[in-house]
């Protein structure tokens, strides 16, 4: 038989635990709101500036409903009131020809863990407009676009109170992987791209898709109007954004980064890639990054191709880099994402406590 004192103790314990249980991030619902910010380039170029459509995903108490976001089904509560408090922030940079909904599964998982997530469309390099690809300033503008998104978030009265500025991370796929590594302190060296895809390089033979995407042609390697022809004349600034505390690079463009600058990066970095990536051949890209960052965890999947991080569950989409809905034979994208998620989650929790 229990005593009144025992009942009182149980009530006191529940009273203490219930607020903690209610705040548990794993139970968070997913709110989302659309934004469109001005993303003028440094030189005023319309090809890399202009409007920058974005989605901000955030924890909310409002239950979501399943609906179409472009070609994808997501379960969200559009326009719902955010859960109060300062949350860690993740900036998510898509690959070339991508869009702001292409990694919706990841945004939803992060929000369920208590993060605010910003996904956005890179001006001049998205599914509607690739006019910036091949320009000498492509590799400098992409990281700057992410820094401008962060500027907008931290100065916006809607979002600034929800963000803990001491806990900001960036995740990128493909060209987005390059982008977040540049934000971590990796310095681009366009001469490496030109040498790789030029007449004496290995790229046109062994890294064909990357060189094609970069605009190089087997018949006229490095001949005008080949991209980055003025690379030697382009000033390549330090693109490091000190506000970002950790980065995750998945199937990154690695050939464009100076290995010595990568080796000097002090931020926590997680690299993941698929051994069957034919868009960015790993030995020139992801594995080169891993060699330059020997202390960084490098997750290699023997079965994955280039688009493993991209949203699953849609039909053919088409892209300059190939169809992001396609996978190598026998590869289960949803299973890979479910297996990779704990690694990513634990990396962020460990590096942004």
Foldseek 3Di string as FASTA:
>chain_A
DDDPVVVVVVVVVCVVCVVVVVPQLLAFAKEKEKDWDWAQFPVRDQQQTGIKIKMKIATDPDWFDWDDDDQDTDTYHYPGDHDFDAFAEEEEAEAFQAAQCFQVVLCRSVRSRGYIYMGIAGRCGHVVHVNCQLALCNLVSLLVSSVVVVVCQCPDPRRVRHHDLQHYAYEYAAQGLSSRLLQLFWWFQCVLVLQQQAPNHCCVPQQVLQLVSSPADPVDRLDPPRGCVVRVVDDTDRSHDVSHQEYEGENYAASRTDLVRLLPRDHAYEYEYECAENNGHCVNHRVSSCVSHVVHHYHYHDFWYRLLSTDEDGDFDDGSSGTSHDTPPPDDSVVVCVVCVVVVVVSSVVRRD
